C-alpha atoms as a PDB file:
ATOM      1  CA  MET A   1      26.449   6.008 -66.397  1.00  0.00           C
ATOM      2  CA  SER A   2      29.545   3.998 -65.703  1.00  0.00           C
ATOM      3  CA  GLY A   3      28.073   0.482 -65.762  1.00  0.00           C
ATOM      4  CA  THR A   4      26.713  -1.696 -68.505  1.00  0.00           C
ATOM      5  CA  LEU A   5      23.400  -3.460 -68.907  1.00  0.00           C
ATOM      6  CA  ASN A   6      22.587  -6.844 -70.413  1.00  0.00           C
ATOM      7  CA  LYS A   7      18.827  -7.320 -70.081  1.00  0.00           C
ATOM      8  CA  VAL A   8      16.261  -9.002 -72.298  1.00  0.00           C
ATOM      9  CA  MET A   9      12.468  -9.005 -71.885  1.00  0.00           C
ATOM     10  CA  LEU A  10      10.367 -11.180 -74.196  1.00  0.00           C
ATOM     11  CA  ILE A  11       6.728 -12.196 -74.467  1.00  0.00           C
ATOM     12  CA  GLY A  12       6.214 -15.119 -76.792  1.00  0.00           C
ATOM     13  CA  TYR A  13       5.034 -18.663 -77.361  1.00  0.00           C
ATOM     14  CA  LEU A  14       6.895 -21.894 -76.665  1.00  0.00           C
ATOM     15  CA  GLY A  15       7.908 -23.521 -79.928  1.00  0.00           C
ATOM     16  CA  ASP A  16       8.533 -26.945 -78.414  1.00  0.00           C
ATOM     17  CA  GLU A  17       8.499 -28.875 -75.146  1.00  0.00           C
ATOM     18  CA  ILE A  18      11.253 -28.114 -72.634  1.00  0.00           C
ATOM     19  CA  LYS A  19      14.351 -30.282 -73.042  1.00  0.00           C
ATOM     20  CA  MET A  20      15.903 -31.051 -69.666  1.00  0.00           C
ATOM     21  CA  HIS A  21      19.562 -31.916 -68.990  1.00  0.00           C
ATOM     22  CA  TYR A  22      20.533 -33.213 -65.526  1.00  0.00           C
ATOM     23  CA  PHE A  23      24.022 -33.070 -64.011  1.00  0.00           C
ATOM     24  CA  GLU A  24      25.793 -35.295 -61.489  1.00  0.00           C
ATOM     25  CA  GLY A  25      25.798 -32.623 -58.784  1.00  0.00           C
ATOM     26  CA  GLY A  26      22.001 -32.448 -58.806  1.00  0.00           C
ATOM     27  CA  GLY A  27      21.648 -29.327 -60.958  1.00  0.00           C
ATOM     28  CA  CYS A  28      19.724 -29.165 -64.207  1.00  0.00           C
ATOM     29  CA  ILE A  29      19.137 -26.978 -67.238  1.00  0.00           C
ATOM     30  CA  GLY A  30      15.997 -26.615 -69.318  1.00  0.00           C
ATOM     31  CA  ARG A  31      16.123 -25.365 -72.902  1.00  0.00           C
ATOM     32  CA  PHE A  32      13.290 -24.349 -75.206  1.00  0.00           C
ATOM     33  CA  PRO A  33      12.666 -22.156 -78.243  1.00  0.00           C
ATOM     34  CA  LEU A  34      10.476 -19.067 -77.854  1.00  0.00           C
ATOM     35  CA  ALA A  35       8.765 -17.371 -80.813  1.00  0.00           C
ATOM     36  CA  THR A  36       8.052 -13.651 -80.916  1.00  0.00           C
ATOM     37  CA  ASN A  37       6.167 -11.996 -83.768  1.00  0.00           C
ATOM     38  CA  GLU A  38       6.364  -8.617 -85.440  1.00  0.00           C
ATOM     39  CA  THR A  39       3.332  -7.659 -87.524  1.00  0.00           C
ATOM     40  CA  TYR A  40       3.000  -4.654 -89.814  1.00  0.00           C
ATOM     41  CA  THR A  41       1.145  -3.558 -92.930  1.00  0.00           C
ATOM     42  CA  ASN A  42       3.158  -3.185 -96.131  1.00  0.00           C
ATOM     43  CA  LYS A  43       2.319   0.339 -97.319  1.00  0.00           C
ATOM     44  CA  GLN A  44       2.872  -0.502-100.986  1.00  0.00           C
ATOM     45  CA  THR A  45       0.651  -3.604-101.127  1.00  0.00           C
ATOM     46  CA  ASN A  46      -1.576  -3.022 -98.044  1.00  0.00           C
ATOM     47  CA  GLU A  47      -0.748  -6.594 -97.159  1.00  0.00           C
ATOM     48  CA  ARG A  48      -0.342  -7.645 -93.523  1.00  0.00           C
ATOM     49  CA  VAL A  49       3.144  -9.095 -92.932  1.00  0.00           C
ATOM     50  CA  THR A  50       4.214 -11.147 -89.913  1.00  0.00           C
ATOM     51  CA  ASN A  51       7.851 -11.908 -89.130  1.00  0.00           C
ATOM     52  CA  THR A  52       8.692 -14.513 -86.491  1.00  0.00           C
ATOM     53  CA  GLU A  53      11.916 -14.379 -84.511  1.00  0.00           C
ATOM     54  CA  TRP A  54      13.104 -17.475 -82.615  1.00  0.00           C
ATOM     55  CA  HIS A  55      14.986 -17.197 -79.319  1.00  0.00           C
ATOM     56  CA  ASN A  56      16.856 -19.954 -77.461  1.00  0.00           C
ATOM     57  CA  ILE A  57      15.879 -19.840 -73.779  1.00  0.00           C
ATOM     58  CA  VAL A  58      17.920 -21.459 -70.992  1.00  0.00           C
ATOM     59  CA  VAL A  59      16.444 -21.933 -67.501  1.00  0.00           C
ATOM     60  CA  ARG A  60      18.377 -23.417 -64.576  1.00  0.00           C
ATOM     61  CA  ASN A  61      17.702 -25.701 -61.595  1.00  0.00           C
ATOM     62  CA  LYS A  62      14.347 -25.329 -59.766  1.00  0.00           C
ATOM     63  CA  ALA A  63      13.062 -22.802 -62.299  1.00  0.00           C
ATOM     64  CA  ALA A  64      13.760 -25.320 -65.081  1.00  0.00           C
ATOM     65  CA  GLU A  65      11.832 -28.023 -63.220  1.00  0.00           C
ATOM     66  CA  ILE A  66       8.849 -25.665 -62.764  1.00  0.00           C
ATOM     67  CA  CYS A  67       8.883 -24.766 -66.458  1.00  0.00           C
ATOM     68  CA  GLU A  68       9.070 -28.432 -67.452  1.00  0.00           C
ATOM     69  CA  LYS A  69       6.128 -29.260 -65.189  1.00  0.00           C
ATOM     70  CA  TYR A  70       3.769 -26.426 -66.151  1.00  0.00           C
ATOM     71  CA  LEU A  71       4.737 -25.201 -69.627  1.00  0.00           C
ATOM     72  CA  SER A  72       4.074 -26.941 -72.894  1.00  0.00           C
ATOM     73  CA  LYS A  73       4.342 -26.149 -76.579  1.00  0.00           C
ATOM     74  CA  GLY A  74       2.168 -23.174 -77.555  1.00  0.00           C
ATOM     75  CA  ASP A  75       1.947 -21.618 -74.070  1.00  0.00           C
ATOM     76  CA  LYS A  76       2.463 -17.869 -73.798  1.00  0.00           C
ATOM     77  CA  VAL A  77       5.178 -16.755 -71.368  1.00  0.00           C
ATOM     78  CA  TYR A  78       7.059 -13.633 -70.290  1.00  0.00           C
ATOM     79  CA  ILE A  79      10.818 -14.196 -70.046  1.00  0.00           C
ATOM     80  CA  GLU A  80      13.360 -11.898 -68.479  1.00  0.00           C
ATOM     81  CA  GLY A  81      17.075 -12.550 -68.593  1.00  0.00           C
ATOM     82  CA  ARG A  82      20.378 -11.729 -70.217  1.00  0.00           C
ATOM     83  CA  LEU A  83      22.072 -12.533 -73.509  1.00  0.00           C
ATOM     84  CA  LYS A  84      24.936 -15.007 -73.549  1.00  0.00           C
ATOM     85  CA  THR A  85      26.866 -16.196 -76.584  1.00  0.00           C
ATOM     86  CA  ARG A  86      28.506 -19.619 -76.460  1.00  0.00           C
ATOM     87  CA  LYS A  87      31.356 -20.729 -78.708  1.00  0.00           C
ATOM     88  CA  TRP A  88      31.613 -24.390 -79.677  1.00  0.00           C
ATOM     89  CA  GLN A  89      33.076 -26.567 -82.418  1.00  0.00           C
ATOM     90  CA  ASP A  90      31.035 -28.597 -84.866  1.00  0.00           C
ATOM     91  CA  ASP A  91      31.898 -32.089 -86.130  1.00  0.00           C
ATOM     92  CA  LYS A  92      34.285 -30.649 -88.713  1.00  0.00           C
ATOM     93  CA  GLY A  93      36.185 -28.577 -86.139  1.00  0.00           C
ATOM     94  CA  ASN A  94      34.706 -25.243 -87.264  1.00  0.00           C
ATOM     95  CA  ASP A  95      33.990 -22.623 -84.614  1.00  0.00           C
ATOM     96  CA  ARG A  96      30.267 -22.066 -84.160  1.00  0.00           C
ATOM     97  CA  TYR A  97      28.413 -19.524 -82.052  1.00  0.00           C
ATOM     98  CA  SER A  98      25.062 -19.737 -80.368  1.00  0.00           C
ATOM     99  CA  THR A  99      23.282 -16.825 -78.640  1.00  0.00           C
ATOM    100  CA  GLU A 100      20.896 -17.724 -75.814  1.00  0.00           C
ATOM    101  CA  ILE A 101      18.750 -15.921 -73.282  1.00  0.00           C
ATOM    102  CA  GLN A 102      19.771 -16.977 -69.768  1.00  0.00           C
ATOM    103  CA  CYS A 103      16.415 -16.695 -67.993  1.00  0.00           C
ATOM    104  CA  THR A 104      16.401 -14.994 -64.576  1.00  0.00           C
ATOM    105  CA  ASP A 105      12.642 -14.502 -64.175  1.00  0.00           C
ATOM    106  CA  PHE A 106       9.479 -15.632 -65.908  1.00  0.00           C
ATOM    107  CA  THR A 107       5.710 -15.346 -65.726  1.00  0.00           C
ATOM    108  CA  PHE A 108       3.252 -17.775 -67.300  1.00  0.00           C
ATOM    109  CA  LEU A 109       0.760 -15.771 -69.394  1.00  0.00           C
ATOM    110  CA  SER A 110      -1.520 -18.479 -70.789  1.00  0.00           C
ATOM    111  CA  THR A 111      -4.810 -18.565 -68.906  1.00  0.00           C
ATOM    112  CA  LYS A 112      -5.699 -21.642 -66.897  1.00  0.00           C
ATOM    113  CA  LYS A 113      -8.404 -22.501 -69.434  1.00  0.00           C
ATOM    114  CA  GLU A 114      -5.932 -22.235 -72.324  1.00  0.00           C
ATOM    115  CA  SER A 115      -3.420 -24.418 -70.487  1.00  0.00           C
ATOM    116  CA  GLU A 116      -6.074 -27.012 -69.632  1.00  0.00           C
ATOM    117  CA  ASN A 117      -7.288 -27.082 -73.241  1.00  0.00           C
ATOM    118  CA  ASN A 118      -3.700 -27.505 -74.408  1.00  0.00           C
ATOM    119  CA  ALA A 119      -3.140 -30.289 -71.863  1.00  0.00           C
ATOM    120  CA  SER A 120      -6.403 -32.024 -72.687  1.00  0.00           C
ATOM    121  CA  SER A 121      -5.385 -32.278 -76.320  1.00  0.00           C
ATOM    122  CA  ASN A 122      -2.178 -34.036 -75.187  1.00  0.00           C
ATOM    123  CA  ASN A 123      -3.442 -35.887 -72.109  1.00  0.00           C
ATOM    124  CA  PRO A 124      -7.097 -35.725 -71.046  1.00  0.00           C
ATOM    125  CA  THR A 125      -6.333 -36.200 -67.339  1.00  0.00           C
ATOM    126  CA  ALA A 126      -3.541 -33.600 -67.040  1.00  0.00           C
ATOM    127  CA  GLN A 127      -4.111 -30.176 -65.505  1.00  0.00           C
ATOM    128  CA  ASN A 128      -1.667 -27.287 -65.756  1.00  0.00           C
ATOM    129  CA  PRO A 129      -1.863 -24.788 -62.907  1.00  0.00           C
ATOM    130  CA  ILE A 130      -0.473 -21.315 -63.572  1.00  0.00           C
ATOM    131  CA  VAL A 131       2.658 -20.240 -61.720  1.00  0.00           C
ATOM    132  CA  THR A 132       3.292 -16.519 -61.944  1.00  0.00           C
ATOM    133  CA  GLN A 133       6.859 -16.068 -60.775  1.00  0.00           C
ATOM    134  CA  GLN A 134      10.175 -17.842 -60.636  1.00  0.00           C
ATOM    135  CA  PRO A 135      11.060 -18.931 -57.114  1.00  0.00           C
ATOM    136  CA  SER A 136      14.034 -17.260 -55.494  1.00  0.00           C
ATOM    137  CA  ASN A 137      17.234 -19.234 -55.034  1.00  0.00           C
ATOM    138  CA  GLU A 138      17.374 -17.984 -51.427  1.00  0.00           C
ATOM    139  CA  PRO A 139      16.425 -20.432 -48.664  1.00  0.00           C
ATOM    140  CA  ILE A 140      12.849 -20.233 -47.413  1.00  0.00           C
ATOM    141  CA  GLU A 141      12.561 -18.952 -43.865  1.00  0.00           C
ATOM    142  CA  SER A 142      10.483 -21.208 -41.647  1.00  0.00           C
ATOM    143  CA  ASP A 143      10.238 -18.615 -38.836  1.00  0.00           C
ATOM    144  CA  ASN A 144       7.069 -16.594 -39.500  1.00  0.00           C
ATOM    145  CA  ASP A 145       6.900 -14.685 -36.177  1.00  0.00           C
ATOM    146  CA  ASP A 146       6.821 -11.276 -37.856  1.00  0.00           C
ATOM    147  CA  LEU A 147       3.654 -12.034 -39.851  1.00  0.00           C
ATOM    148  CA  PRO A 148       0.614  -9.954 -38.754  1.00  0.00           C
ATOM    149  CA  PHE A 149      -1.789 -12.938 -38.905  1.00  0.00           C
END
């Protein structure tokens, strides 16, 4: 194989609400933490151990707006994307690094009932429909002549 692969697939729970950042050109970015768990039994103590790993997720443009609208803290989601490490400087001028998952596709996994219960605890009149796939960035064709119905 001559190529390389940078692909991440995660199933986890949102650790916080989505933080949106809007740009002058009309684009936007959504960021949120995602928690994944690893559970095993310690063979020496027979104790059940759970380790939580936190991932920084970045979603762009229309996908970010969909996530902001329908996802909330505690919702279960499948994320697919690629790893990207950013270099930046802190207040003291030290180089810092941050690894993020640049999301390319997602699927909401919380059931409608779970989402409604989560929303009702935050806002009794809100309803969260489930969206199962990230929309494509390609333009939507309005000519449907080839459809069989």
